[in-house]
Amino acid sequence: MADDAVILSSPVAVAAALAGMSPDERARWRTADVPARPSPAERNLDIPFPFGWFPALLSDELKAGEVKPLRYLGQDLVIWRGEDGRARMLDAHCRHLGAHMGYGGRVIGAHLECPFHAWRYDGEGVVHDIPYA
């Protein structure tokens, strides 16, 4: 092996590859089929839940006060970064009437506000404010 060779662990290699991709390229990469991939049972992974870490976005893709919809692992999700700089993610649908908060939702402090009736959620899914209640 050459002296200037760099050995990258799998997570580091993936991060390096993702950093060079546009957001559209990353979305295609996340959902691409893997040719000749063995089934979960053949890989001894036949369990009813996912395990491991799954990157949804890179940190620089989400600015403070920004809300984005995600479709990930077969679920509609919403991710936002509060004014405190901390990223949070929830199921995308408001518990009240099912509005998708990734479209029209807005950040108020650290909370996500539903675009229909302004219910405000924290990062744990707890409703902190119902303005007309």
C-alpha atoms as a PDB file:
ATOM      1  CA  MET A   1       0.000   0.000   0.000  1.00  0.00           C
ATOM      2  CA  ALA A   2       1.309   3.456  -0.888  1.00  0.00           C
ATOM      3  CA  ASP A   3       2.401   5.776   1.920  1.00  0.00           C
ATOM      4  CA  ASP A   4      -0.104   8.427   0.845  1.00  0.00           C
ATOM      5  CA  ALA A   5      -3.046   5.986   0.752  1.00  0.00           C
ATOM      6  CA  VAL A   6      -5.986   6.859   2.962  1.00  0.00           C
ATOM      7  CA  ILE A   7      -8.121   4.149   4.488  1.00  0.00           C
ATOM      8  CA  LEU A   8     -11.681   5.289   5.082  1.00  0.00           C
ATOM      9  CA  SER A   9     -14.100   3.500   7.329  1.00  0.00           C
ATOM     10  CA  SER A  10     -17.524   2.895   5.871  1.00  0.00           C
ATOM     11  CA  PRO A  11     -19.302   5.879   7.563  1.00  0.00           C
ATOM     12  CA  VAL A  12     -16.460   8.234   6.629  1.00  0.00           C
ATOM     13  CA  ALA A  13     -16.478   7.008   3.025  1.00  0.00           C
ATOM     14  CA  VAL A  14     -20.239   7.481   2.783  1.00  0.00           C
ATOM     15  CA  ALA A  15     -20.011  10.998   4.260  1.00  0.00           C
ATOM     16  CA  ALA A  16     -17.262  11.872   1.782  1.00  0.00           C
ATOM     17  CA  ALA A  17     -19.326  10.552  -1.130  1.00  0.00           C
ATOM     18  CA  LEU A  18     -22.474  12.404   0.011  1.00  0.00           C
ATOM     19  CA  ALA A  19     -20.617  15.695   0.442  1.00  0.00           C
ATOM     20  CA  GLY A  20     -19.793  15.725  -3.281  1.00  0.00           C
ATOM     21  CA  MET A  21     -23.404  15.186  -4.395  1.00  0.00           C
ATOM     22  CA  SER A  22     -26.159  17.685  -5.084  1.00  0.00           C
ATOM     23  CA  PRO A  23     -29.403  17.319  -3.063  1.00  0.00           C
ATOM     24  CA  ASP A  24     -31.086  15.668  -6.078  1.00  0.00           C
ATOM     25  CA  GLU A  25     -28.203  13.218  -6.503  1.00  0.00           C
ATOM     26  CA  ARG A  26     -28.388  12.335  -2.777  1.00  0.00           C
ATOM     27  CA  ALA A  27     -32.139  11.708  -3.038  1.00  0.00           C
ATOM     28  CA  ARG A  28     -31.605   9.366  -6.017  1.00  0.00           C
ATOM     29  CA  TRP A  29     -28.748   7.610  -4.181  1.00  0.00           C
ATOM     30  CA  ARG A  30     -30.922   6.993  -1.094  1.00  0.00           C
ATOM     31  CA  THR A  31     -33.715   5.385  -3.117  1.00  0.00           C
ATOM     32  CA  ALA A  32     -31.681   3.526  -5.773  1.00  0.00           C
ATOM     33  CA  ASP A  33     -32.032  -0.227  -6.163  1.00  0.00           C
ATOM     34  CA  VAL A  34     -28.941  -2.249  -5.321  1.00  0.00           C
ATOM     35  CA  PRO A  35     -28.387  -4.800  -8.107  1.00  0.00           C
ATOM     36  CA  ALA A  36     -27.959  -8.442  -7.024  1.00  0.00           C
ATOM     37  CA  ARG A  37     -28.465  -7.542  -3.363  1.00  0.00           C
ATOM     38  CA  PRO A  38     -29.242 -10.599  -1.233  1.00  0.00           C
ATOM     39  CA  SER A  39     -32.587 -10.611   0.548  1.00  0.00           C
ATOM     40  CA  PRO A  40     -32.778  -9.635   4.238  1.00  0.00           C
ATOM     41  CA  ALA A  41     -33.247 -13.304   5.151  1.00  0.00           C
ATOM     42  CA  GLU A  42     -30.117 -14.267   3.160  1.00  0.00           C
ATOM     43  CA  ARG A  43     -28.175 -11.562   5.033  1.00  0.00           C
ATOM     44  CA  ASN A  44     -29.569 -12.772   8.384  1.00  0.00           C
ATOM     45  CA  LEU A  45     -31.385  -9.454   8.811  1.00  0.00           C
ATOM     46  CA  ASP A  46     -34.957 -10.728   8.793  1.00  0.00           C
ATOM     47  CA  ILE A  47     -36.121  -8.642  11.745  1.00  0.00           C
ATOM     48  CA  PRO A  48     -39.303  -6.512  11.898  1.00  0.00           C
ATOM     49  CA  PHE A  49     -37.595  -3.152  12.449  1.00  0.00           C
ATOM     50  CA  PRO A  50     -34.713  -1.193  10.927  1.00  0.00           C
ATOM     51  CA  PHE A  51     -31.520  -0.892  12.886  1.00  0.00           C
ATOM     52  CA  GLY A  52     -28.564   1.409  12.500  1.00  0.00           C
ATOM     53  CA  TRP A  53     -28.296   5.073  11.624  1.00  0.00           C
ATOM     54  CA  PHE A  54     -29.927   6.526   8.540  1.00  0.00           C
ATOM     55  CA  PRO A  55     -28.906  10.054   7.482  1.00  0.00           C
ATOM     56  CA  ALA A  56     -31.899  12.136   6.438  1.00  0.00           C
ATOM     57  CA  LEU A  57     -30.080  15.373   5.577  1.00  0.00           C
ATOM     58  CA  LEU A  58     -26.662  16.850   5.970  1.00  0.00           C
ATOM     59  CA  SER A  59     -26.575  19.593   8.589  1.00  0.00           C
ATOM     60  CA  ASP A  60     -25.838  22.349   6.083  1.00  0.00           C
ATOM     61  CA  GLU A  61     -29.011  21.458   4.136  1.00  0.00           C
ATOM     62  CA  LEU A  62     -31.263  22.811   6.907  1.00  0.00           C
ATOM     63  CA  LYS A  63     -31.010  26.425   8.023  1.00  0.00           C
ATOM     64  CA  ALA A  64     -32.373  27.848  11.287  1.00  0.00           C
ATOM     65  CA  GLY A  65     -36.101  28.496  10.901  1.00  0.00           C
ATOM     66  CA  GLU A  66     -36.404  26.196   7.862  1.00  0.00           C
ATOM     67  CA  VAL A  67     -38.971  23.386   7.470  1.00  0.00           C
ATOM     68  CA  LYS A  68     -38.625  20.542   4.937  1.00  0.00           C
ATOM     69  CA  PRO A  69     -40.825  17.591   4.047  1.00  0.00           C
ATOM     70  CA  LEU A  70     -39.167  14.166   3.824  1.00  0.00           C
ATOM     71  CA  ARG A  71     -40.315  10.799   2.546  1.00  0.00           C
ATOM     72  CA  TYR A  72     -37.989   8.341   4.216  1.00  0.00           C
ATOM     73  CA  LEU A  73     -38.177   4.618   5.016  1.00  0.00           C
ATOM     74  CA  GLY A  74     -41.769   4.593   3.740  1.00  0.00           C
ATOM     75  CA  GLN A  75     -42.945   7.372   6.049  1.00  0.00           C
ATOM     76  CA  ASP A  76     -43.887  11.015   5.575  1.00  0.00           C
ATOM     77  CA  LEU A  77     -41.728  13.066   7.923  1.00  0.00           C
ATOM     78  CA  VAL A  78     -41.097  16.733   8.573  1.00  0.00           C
ATOM     79  CA  ILE A  79     -37.758  18.154   9.696  1.00  0.00           C
ATOM     80  CA  TRP A  80     -37.080  21.651  10.961  1.00  0.00           C
ATOM     81  CA  ARG A  81     -34.346  23.592  12.665  1.00  0.00           C
ATOM     82  CA  GLY A  82     -35.514  25.743  15.551  1.00  0.00           C
ATOM     83  CA  GLU A  83     -34.275  29.255  16.166  1.00  0.00           C
ATOM     84  CA  ASP A  84     -31.985  27.666  18.796  1.00  0.00           C
ATOM     85  CA  GLY A  85     -30.139  25.875  15.948  1.00  0.00           C
ATOM     86  CA  ARG A  86     -31.256  22.354  16.924  1.00  0.00           C
ATOM     87  CA  ALA A  87     -32.751  20.082  14.242  1.00  0.00           C
ATOM     88  CA  ARG A  88     -35.938  18.135  15.030  1.00  0.00           C
ATOM     89  CA  MET A  89     -38.004  15.576  13.123  1.00  0.00           C
ATOM     90  CA  LEU A  90     -41.555  14.248  13.492  1.00  0.00           C
ATOM     91  CA  ASP A  91     -44.259  12.413  11.633  1.00  0.00           C
ATOM     92  CA  ALA A  92     -45.356  14.928   9.000  1.00  0.00           C
ATOM     93  CA  HIS A  93     -49.080  14.851   9.739  1.00  0.00           C
ATOM     94  CA  CYS A  94     -50.706  17.054  12.354  1.00  0.00           C
ATOM     95  CA  ARG A  95     -52.659  15.090  14.967  1.00  0.00           C
ATOM     96  CA  HIS A  96     -55.558  17.513  14.717  1.00  0.00           C
ATOM     97  CA  LEU A  97     -56.789  17.109  11.126  1.00  0.00           C
ATOM     98  CA  GLY A  98     -53.838  15.458   9.372  1.00  0.00           C
ATOM     99  CA  ALA A  99     -52.296  18.443   7.583  1.00  0.00           C
ATOM    100  CA  HIS A 100     -48.829  17.749   6.190  1.00  0.00           C
ATOM    101  CA  MET A 101     -46.688  20.163   8.203  1.00  0.00           C
ATOM    102  CA  GLY A 102     -43.806  19.949   5.731  1.00  0.00           C
ATOM    103  CA  TYR A 103     -45.813  22.129   3.342  1.00  0.00           C
ATOM    104  CA  GLY A 104     -46.637  25.488   4.881  1.00  0.00           C
ATOM    105  CA  GLY A 105     -45.558  24.648   8.427  1.00  0.00           C
ATOM    106  CA  ARG A 106     -43.397  27.275  10.088  1.00  0.00           C
ATOM    107  CA  VAL A 107     -40.911  27.504  12.921  1.00  0.00           C
ATOM    108  CA  ILE A 108     -41.889  29.508  16.002  1.00  0.00           C
ATOM    109  CA  GLY A 109     -38.974  29.491  18.439  1.00  0.00           C
ATOM    110  CA  ALA A 110     -38.117  25.802  18.749  1.00  0.00           C
ATOM    111  CA  HIS A 111     -41.634  24.607  17.819  1.00  0.00           C
ATOM    112  CA  LEU A 112     -43.217  23.638  14.509  1.00  0.00           C
ATOM    113  CA  GLU A 113     -46.544  25.293  13.765  1.00  0.00           C
ATOM    114  CA  CYS A 114     -49.166  23.486  11.666  1.00  0.00           C
ATOM    115  CA  PRO A 115     -50.287  25.508   8.622  1.00  0.00           C
ATOM    116  CA  PHE A 116     -54.010  24.748   9.132  1.00  0.00           C
ATOM    117  CA  HIS A 117     -54.890  25.696  12.696  1.00  0.00           C
ATOM    118  CA  ALA A 118     -51.508  26.738  14.204  1.00  0.00           C
ATOM    119  CA  TRP A 119     -51.061  23.868  16.656  1.00  0.00           C
ATOM    120  CA  ARG A 120     -47.427  24.002  17.833  1.00  0.00           C
ATOM    121  CA  TYR A 121     -45.329  20.873  18.370  1.00  0.00           C
ATOM    122  CA  ASP A 122     -41.982  20.315  20.028  1.00  0.00           C
ATOM    123  CA  GLY A 123     -39.405  17.799  18.768  1.00  0.00           C
ATOM    124  CA  GLU A 124     -40.995  15.000  20.821  1.00  0.00           C
ATOM    125  CA  GLY A 125     -44.420  15.420  19.214  1.00  0.00           C
ATOM    126  CA  VAL A 126     -45.979  17.112  22.251  1.00  0.00           C
ATOM    127  CA  VAL A 127     -48.504  19.864  21.479  1.00  0.00           C
ATOM    128  CA  HIS A 128     -47.369  23.000  23.328  1.00  0.00           C
ATOM    129  CA  ASP A 129     -49.919  25.489  22.071  1.00  0.00           C
ATOM    130  CA  ILE A 130     -53.396  25.500  20.541  1.00  0.00           C
ATOM    131  CA  PRO A 131     -54.051  29.210  19.965  1.00  0.00           C
ATOM    132  CA  TYR A 132     -57.847  29.080  20.165  1.00  0.00           C
ATOM    133  CA  ALA A 133     -58.047  26.703  23.155  1.00  0.00           C
END
